[in-house]
Amino acid sequence: MRYIELLETYLNKKAQLNLLPLQPGDVPDTYADVVALKEETGYEPTTPVEVGVKRFVEWYCDFYMIHT
């Protein structure tokens, strides 16, 4: 829901939600441990989700010439 809230904020629009029950194959919670991946690749993200979503919205709107 946080991603949706951010998209609503950056697009200045309210999302129309159609929330459904969990579907077959949906994973309600994950507890991924990415320590080994970080050690193997040396990559660790540093961009906060708020910044990344904002940048994506700006790029998307610019690329598709959408004015919000």
PDB file of N, CA and C in Angstrom:
ATOM      1  N   MET A   1       0.824  -1.194   0.000  1.00  0.00           N
ATOM      2  CA  MET A   1       0.000   0.000   0.000  1.00  0.00           C
ATOM      3  C   MET A   1       0.872   1.263   0.000  1.00  0.00           C
ATOM      4  N   ARG A   2       2.089   1.151   0.522  1.00  0.00           N
ATOM      5  CA  ARG A   2       2.965   2.326   0.552  1.00  0.00           C
ATOM      6  C   ARG A   2       3.296   2.789  -0.872  1.00  0.00           C
ATOM      7  N   TYR A   3       3.537   1.845  -1.779  1.00  0.00           N
ATOM      8  CA  TYR A   3       3.824   2.216  -3.161  1.00  0.00           C
ATOM      9  C   TYR A   3       2.627   2.956  -3.781  1.00  0.00           C
ATOM     10  N   ILE A   4       1.447   2.470  -3.504  1.00  0.00           N
ATOM     11  CA  ILE A   4       0.240   3.106  -4.036  1.00  0.00           C
ATOM     12  C   ILE A   4       0.101   4.516  -3.481  1.00  0.00           C
ATOM     13  N   GLU A   5       0.338   4.673  -2.179  1.00  0.00           N
ATOM     14  CA  GLU A   5       0.272   6.005  -1.568  1.00  0.00           C
ATOM     15  C   GLU A   5       1.260   6.962  -2.236  1.00  0.00           C
ATOM     16  N   LEU A   6       2.465   6.481  -2.490  1.00  0.00           N
ATOM     17  CA  LEU A   6       3.473   7.324  -3.125  1.00  0.00           C
ATOM     18  C   LEU A   6       3.061   7.685  -4.551  1.00  0.00           C
ATOM     19  N   LEU A   7       2.553   6.709  -5.297  1.00  0.00           N
ATOM     20  CA  LEU A   7       2.091   6.994  -6.654  1.00  0.00           C
ATOM     21  C   LEU A   7       0.965   8.027  -6.634  1.00  0.00           C
ATOM     22  N   GLU A   8       0.038   7.895  -5.703  1.00  0.00           N
ATOM     23  CA  GLU A   8      -1.048   8.869  -5.584  1.00  0.00           C
ATOM     24  C   GLU A   8      -0.485  10.262  -5.321  1.00  0.00           C
ATOM     25  N   THR A   9       0.489  10.335  -4.446  1.00  0.00           N
ATOM     26  CA  THR A   9       1.099  11.616  -4.100  1.00  0.00           C
ATOM     27  C   THR A   9       1.784  12.238  -5.306  1.00  0.00           C
ATOM     28  N   TYR A  10       2.642  11.468  -5.977  1.00  0.00           N
ATOM     29  CA  TYR A  10       3.441  12.018  -7.069  1.00  0.00           C
ATOM     30  C   TYR A  10       2.643  12.246  -8.341  1.00  0.00           C
ATOM     31  N   LEU A  11       1.541  11.530  -8.506  1.00  0.00           N
ATOM     32  CA  LEU A  11       0.680  11.730  -9.670  1.00  0.00           C
ATOM     33  C   LEU A  11      -0.471  12.688  -9.390  1.00  0.00           C
ATOM     34  N   ASN A  12      -0.632  13.025  -8.104  1.00  0.00           N
ATOM     35  CA  ASN A  12      -1.722  13.908  -7.676  1.00  0.00           C
ATOM     36  C   ASN A  12      -3.080  13.352  -8.109  1.00  0.00           C
ATOM     37  N   LYS A  13      -3.223  12.040  -7.949  1.00  0.00           N
ATOM     38  CA  LYS A  13      -4.469  11.343  -8.291  1.00  0.00           C
ATOM     39  C   LYS A  13      -4.753  10.299  -7.237  1.00  0.00           C
ATOM     40  N   LYS A  14      -6.021  10.016  -7.019  1.00  0.00           N
ATOM     41  CA  LYS A  14      -6.436   8.983  -6.096  1.00  0.00           C
ATOM     42  C   LYS A  14      -6.598   7.674  -6.873  1.00  0.00           C
ATOM     43  N   ALA A  15      -5.989   6.618  -6.370  1.00  0.00           N
ATOM     44  CA  ALA A  15      -6.094   5.311  -7.025  1.00  0.00           C
ATOM     45  C   ALA A  15      -7.484   4.714  -6.817  1.00  0.00           C
ATOM     46  N   GLN A  16      -7.970   4.033  -7.814  1.00  0.00           N
ATOM     47  CA  GLN A  16      -9.209   3.279  -7.689  1.00  0.00           C
ATOM     48  C   GLN A  16      -8.811   1.841  -7.393  1.00  0.00           C
ATOM     49  N   LEU A  17      -8.971   1.440  -6.142  1.00  0.00           N
ATOM     50  CA  LEU A  17      -8.516   0.124  -5.707  1.00  0.00           C
ATOM     51  C   LEU A  17      -9.607  -0.916  -5.883  1.00  0.00           C
ATOM     52  N   ASN A  18      -9.200  -2.087  -6.300  1.00  0.00           N
ATOM     53  CA  ASN A  18     -10.089  -3.234  -6.385  1.00  0.00           C
ATOM     54  C   ASN A  18      -9.372  -4.363  -5.639  1.00  0.00           C
ATOM     55  N   LEU A  19      -9.467  -4.318  -4.321  1.00  0.00           N
ATOM     56  CA  LEU A  19      -8.752  -5.285  -3.492  1.00  0.00           C
ATOM     57  C   LEU A  19      -9.457  -6.633  -3.519  1.00  0.00           C
ATOM     58  N   LEU A  20      -8.697  -7.656  -3.794  1.00  0.00           N
ATOM     59  CA  LEU A  20      -9.230  -9.015  -3.880  1.00  0.00           C
ATOM     60  C   LEU A  20      -8.587  -9.874  -2.810  1.00  0.00           C
ATOM     61  N   PRO A  21      -9.212 -10.997  -2.468  1.00  0.00           N
ATOM     62  CA  PRO A  21      -8.570 -11.927  -1.552  1.00  0.00           C
ATOM     63  C   PRO A  21      -7.286 -12.476  -2.177  1.00  0.00           C
ATOM     64  N   LEU A  22      -6.425 -13.036  -1.352  1.00  0.00           N
ATOM     65  CA  LEU A  22      -5.205 -13.645  -1.873  1.00  0.00           C
ATOM     66  C   LEU A  22      -5.556 -14.672  -2.946  1.00  0.00           C
ATOM     67  N   GLN A  23      -4.765 -14.658  -4.010  1.00  0.00           N
ATOM     68  CA  GLN A  23      -4.972 -15.581  -5.121  1.00  0.00           C
ATOM     69  C   GLN A  23      -3.998 -16.757  -4.971  1.00  0.00           C
ATOM     70  N   PRO A  24      -4.287 -17.891  -5.605  1.00  0.00           N
ATOM     71  CA  PRO A  24      -3.354 -19.009  -5.549  1.00  0.00           C
ATOM     72  C   PRO A  24      -1.962 -18.570  -6.005  1.00  0.00           C
ATOM     73  N   GLY A  25      -0.977 -18.882  -5.222  1.00  0.00           N
ATOM     74  CA  GLY A  25       0.388 -18.508  -5.539  1.00  0.00           C
ATOM     75  C   GLY A  25       0.837 -17.213  -4.890  1.00  0.00           C
ATOM     76  N   ASP A  26      -0.108 -16.403  -4.373  1.00  0.00           N
ATOM     77  CA  ASP A  26       0.268 -15.176  -3.673  1.00  0.00           C
ATOM     78  C   ASP A  26       1.008 -15.518  -2.389  1.00  0.00           C
ATOM     79  N   VAL A  27       1.979 -14.708  -2.057  1.00  0.00           N
ATOM     80  CA  VAL A  27       2.757 -14.906  -0.835  1.00  0.00           C
ATOM     81  C   VAL A  27       2.407 -13.766   0.119  1.00  0.00           C
ATOM     82  N   PRO A  28       1.755 -14.075   1.243  1.00  0.00           N
ATOM     83  CA  PRO A  28       1.313 -13.003   2.139  1.00  0.00           C
ATOM     84  C   PRO A  28       2.470 -12.267   2.819  1.00  0.00           C
ATOM     85  N   ASP A  29       3.512 -12.955   3.173  1.00  0.00           N
ATOM     86  CA  ASP A  29       4.662 -12.353   3.838  1.00  0.00           C
ATOM     87  C   ASP A  29       5.930 -13.036   3.348  1.00  0.00           C
ATOM     88  N   THR A  30       6.989 -12.267   3.280  1.00  0.00           N
ATOM     89  CA  THR A  30       8.286 -12.856   2.963  1.00  0.00           C
ATOM     90  C   THR A  30       9.296 -12.387   3.995  1.00  0.00           C
ATOM     91  N   TYR A  31      10.244 -13.198   4.233  1.00  0.00           N
ATOM     92  CA  TYR A  31      11.304 -12.885   5.186  1.00  0.00           C
ATOM     93  C   TYR A  31      12.641 -13.170   4.507  1.00  0.00           C
ATOM     94  N   ALA A  32      12.822 -12.567   3.349  1.00  0.00           N
ATOM     95  CA  ALA A  32      14.013 -12.805   2.552  1.00  0.00           C
ATOM     96  C   ALA A  32      15.252 -12.295   3.276  1.00  0.00           C
ATOM     97  N   ASP A  33      16.281 -13.087   3.241  1.00  0.00           N
ATOM     98  CA  ASP A  33      17.576 -12.701   3.783  1.00  0.00           C
ATOM     99  C   ASP A  33      18.501 -12.505   2.591  1.00  0.00           C
ATOM    100  N   VAL A  34      18.837 -11.251   2.307  1.00  0.00           N
ATOM    101  CA  VAL A  34      19.624 -10.943   1.125  1.00  0.00           C
ATOM    102  C   VAL A  34      21.095 -10.698   1.447  1.00  0.00           C
ATOM    103  N   VAL A  35      21.526 -11.079   2.633  1.00  0.00           N
ATOM    104  CA  VAL A  35      22.914 -10.860   3.046  1.00  0.00           C
ATOM    105  C   VAL A  35      23.879 -11.557   2.087  1.00  0.00           C
ATOM    106  N   ALA A  36      23.605 -12.824   1.755  1.00  0.00           N
ATOM    107  CA  ALA A  36      24.497 -13.568   0.855  1.00  0.00           C
ATOM    108  C   ALA A  36      24.564 -12.898  -0.518  1.00  0.00           C
ATOM    109  N   LEU A  37      23.438 -12.404  -1.006  1.00  0.00           N
ATOM    110  CA  LEU A  37      23.415 -11.723  -2.303  1.00  0.00           C
ATOM    111  C   LEU A  37      24.273 -10.459  -2.249  1.00  0.00           C
ATOM    112  N   LYS A  38      24.155  -9.698  -1.186  1.00  0.00           N
ATOM    113  CA  LYS A  38      24.960  -8.483  -1.032  1.00  0.00           C
ATOM    114  C   LYS A  38      26.445  -8.826  -0.983  1.00  0.00           C
ATOM    115  N   GLU A  39      26.770  -9.886  -0.252  1.00  0.00           N
ATOM    116  CA  GLU A  39      28.182 -10.286  -0.144  1.00  0.00           C
ATOM    117  C   GLU A  39      28.712 -10.775  -1.487  1.00  0.00           C
ATOM    118  N   GLU A  40      27.896 -11.502  -2.226  1.00  0.00           N
ATOM    119  CA  GLU A  40      28.320 -12.065  -3.514  1.00  0.00           C
ATOM    120  C   GLU A  40      28.491 -10.995  -4.587  1.00  0.00           C
ATOM    121  N   THR A  41      27.558 -10.055  -4.628  1.00  0.00           N
ATOM    122  CA  THR A  41      27.568  -9.057  -5.702  1.00  0.00           C
ATOM    123  C   THR A  41      28.200  -7.733  -5.291  1.00  0.00           C
ATOM    124  N   GLY A  42      28.240  -7.481  -4.003  1.00  0.00           N
ATOM    125  CA  GLY A  42      28.749  -6.203  -3.521  1.00  0.00           C
ATOM    126  C   GLY A  42      27.768  -5.059  -3.719  1.00  0.00           C
ATOM    127  N   TYR A  43      26.557  -5.388  -4.111  1.00  0.00           N
ATOM    128  CA  TYR A  43      25.553  -4.356  -4.365  1.00  0.00           C
ATOM    129  C   TYR A  43      24.612  -4.221  -3.182  1.00  0.00           C
ATOM    130  N   GLU A  44      24.388  -2.992  -2.785  1.00  0.00           N
ATOM    131  CA  GLU A  44      23.405  -2.705  -1.746  1.00  0.00           C
ATOM    132  C   GLU A  44      22.695  -1.424  -2.147  1.00  0.00           C
ATOM    133  N   PRO A  45      21.384  -1.487  -2.360  1.00  0.00           N
ATOM    134  CA  PRO A  45      20.658  -0.298  -2.795  1.00  0.00           C
ATOM    135  C   PRO A  45      20.773   0.824  -1.756  1.00  0.00           C
ATOM    136  N   THR A  46      20.838   2.048  -2.243  1.00  0.00           N
ATOM    137  CA  THR A  46      20.927   3.195  -1.345  1.00  0.00           C
ATOM    138  C   THR A  46      19.815   4.214  -1.585  1.00  0.00           C
ATOM    139  N   THR A  47      19.004   3.996  -2.593  1.00  0.00           N
ATOM    140  CA  THR A  47      17.936   4.930  -2.908  1.00  0.00           C
ATOM    141  C   THR A  47      16.690   4.582  -2.100  1.00  0.00           C
ATOM    142  N   PRO A  48      16.195   5.508  -1.288  1.00  0.00           N
ATOM    143  CA  PRO A  48      14.947   5.254  -0.556  1.00  0.00           C
ATOM    144  C   PRO A  48      13.783   5.066  -1.525  1.00  0.00           C
ATOM    145  N   VAL A  49      12.817   4.275  -1.154  1.00  0.00           N
ATOM    146  CA  VAL A  49      11.693   3.974  -2.040  1.00  0.00           C
ATOM    147  C   VAL A  49      10.963   5.251  -2.436  1.00  0.00           C
ATOM    148  N   GLU A  50      10.854   6.216  -1.544  1.00  0.00           N
ATOM    149  CA  GLU A  50      10.177   7.464  -1.870  1.00  0.00           C
ATOM    150  C   GLU A  50      10.875   8.188  -3.027  1.00  0.00           C
ATOM    151  N   VAL A  51      12.187   8.195  -3.013  1.00  0.00           N
ATOM    152  CA  VAL A  51      12.960   8.848  -4.068  1.00  0.00           C
ATOM    153  C   VAL A  51      12.850   8.058  -5.371  1.00  0.00           C
ATOM    154  N   GLY A  52      12.958   6.738  -5.295  1.00  0.00           N
ATOM    155  CA  GLY A  52      12.888   5.901  -6.487  1.00  0.00           C
ATOM    156  C   GLY A  52      11.541   5.987  -7.180  1.00  0.00           C
ATOM    157  N   VAL A  53      10.455   5.957  -6.420  1.00  0.00           N
ATOM    158  CA  VAL A  53       9.122   6.040  -7.022  1.00  0.00           C
ATOM    159  C   VAL A  53       8.928   7.418  -7.648  1.00  0.00           C
ATOM    160  N   LYS A  54       9.374   8.458  -6.974  1.00  0.00           N
ATOM    161  CA  LYS A  54       9.260   9.816  -7.520  1.00  0.00           C
ATOM    162  C   LYS A  54      10.032   9.921  -8.840  1.00  0.00           C
ATOM    163  N   ARG A  55      11.234   9.410  -8.871  1.00  0.00           N
ATOM    164  CA  ARG A  55      12.032   9.446 -10.107  1.00  0.00           C
ATOM    165  C   ARG A  55      11.363   8.669 -11.229  1.00  0.00           C
ATOM    166  N   PHE A  56      10.793   7.511 -10.886  1.00  0.00           N
ATOM    167  CA  PHE A  56      10.109   6.707 -11.891  1.00  0.00           C
ATOM    168  C   PHE A  56       8.915   7.466 -12.465  1.00  0.00           C
ATOM    169  N   VAL A  57       8.115   8.058 -11.603  1.00  0.00           N
ATOM    170  CA  VAL A  57       6.935   8.809 -12.061  1.00  0.00           C
ATOM    171  C   VAL A  57       7.368   9.960 -12.965  1.00  0.00           C
ATOM    172  N   GLU A  58       8.416  10.675 -12.571  1.00  0.00           N
ATOM    173  CA  GLU A  58       8.906  11.780 -13.393  1.00  0.00           C
ATOM    174  C   GLU A  58       9.365  11.276 -14.765  1.00  0.00           C
ATOM    175  N   TRP A  59      10.123  10.177 -14.765  1.00  0.00           N
ATOM    176  CA  TRP A  59      10.593   9.611 -16.036  1.00  0.00           C
ATOM    177  C   TRP A  59       9.413   9.171 -16.889  1.00  0.00           C
ATOM    178  N   TYR A  60       8.480   8.428 -16.295  1.00  0.00           N
ATOM    179  CA  TYR A  60       7.343   7.874 -17.027  1.00  0.00           C
ATOM    180  C   TYR A  60       6.516   8.995 -17.666  1.00  0.00           C
ATOM    181  N   CYS A  61       6.221  10.010 -16.869  1.00  0.00           N
ATOM    182  CA  CYS A  61       5.415  11.120 -17.381  1.00  0.00           C
ATOM    183  C   CYS A  61       6.151  11.865 -18.487  1.00  0.00           C
ATOM    184  N   ASP A  62       7.443  12.033 -18.350  1.00  0.00           N
ATOM    185  CA  ASP A  62       8.233  12.696 -19.377  1.00  0.00           C
ATOM    186  C   ASP A  62       8.289  11.845 -20.650  1.00  0.00           C
ATOM    187  N   PHE A  63       8.553  10.560 -20.495  1.00  0.00           N
ATOM    188  CA  PHE A  63       8.690   9.661 -21.638  1.00  0.00           C
ATOM    189  C   PHE A  63       7.396   9.568 -22.441  1.00  0.00           C
ATOM    190  N   TYR A  64       6.256   9.470 -21.718  1.00  0.00           N
ATOM    191  CA  TYR A  64       4.962   9.328 -22.385  1.00  0.00           C
ATOM    192  C   TYR A  64       4.241  10.662 -22.534  1.00  0.00           C
ATOM    193  N   MET A  65       4.957  11.759 -22.228  1.00  0.00           N
ATOM    194  CA  MET A  65       4.421  13.114 -22.363  1.00  0.00           C
ATOM    195  C   MET A  65       3.074  13.265 -21.651  1.00  0.00           C
ATOM    196  N   ILE A  66       3.028  12.821 -20.421  1.00  0.00           N
ATOM    197  CA  ILE A  66       1.826  12.912 -19.592  1.00  0.00           C
ATOM    198  C   ILE A  66       2.015  14.075 -18.632  1.00  0.00           C
ATOM    199  N   HIS A  67       1.020  14.932 -18.545  1.00  0.00           N
ATOM    200  CA  HIS A  67       1.094  16.074 -17.643  1.00  0.00           C
ATOM    201  C   HIS A  67       0.126  15.839 -16.487  1.00  0.00           C
ATOM    202  N   THR A  68       0.675  15.831 -15.275  1.00  0.00           N
ATOM    203  CA  THR A  68      -0.176  15.586 -14.104  1.00  0.00           C
ATOM    204  C   THR A  68      -0.553  16.872 -13.429  1.00  0.00           C
TER     205      THR A  68
END
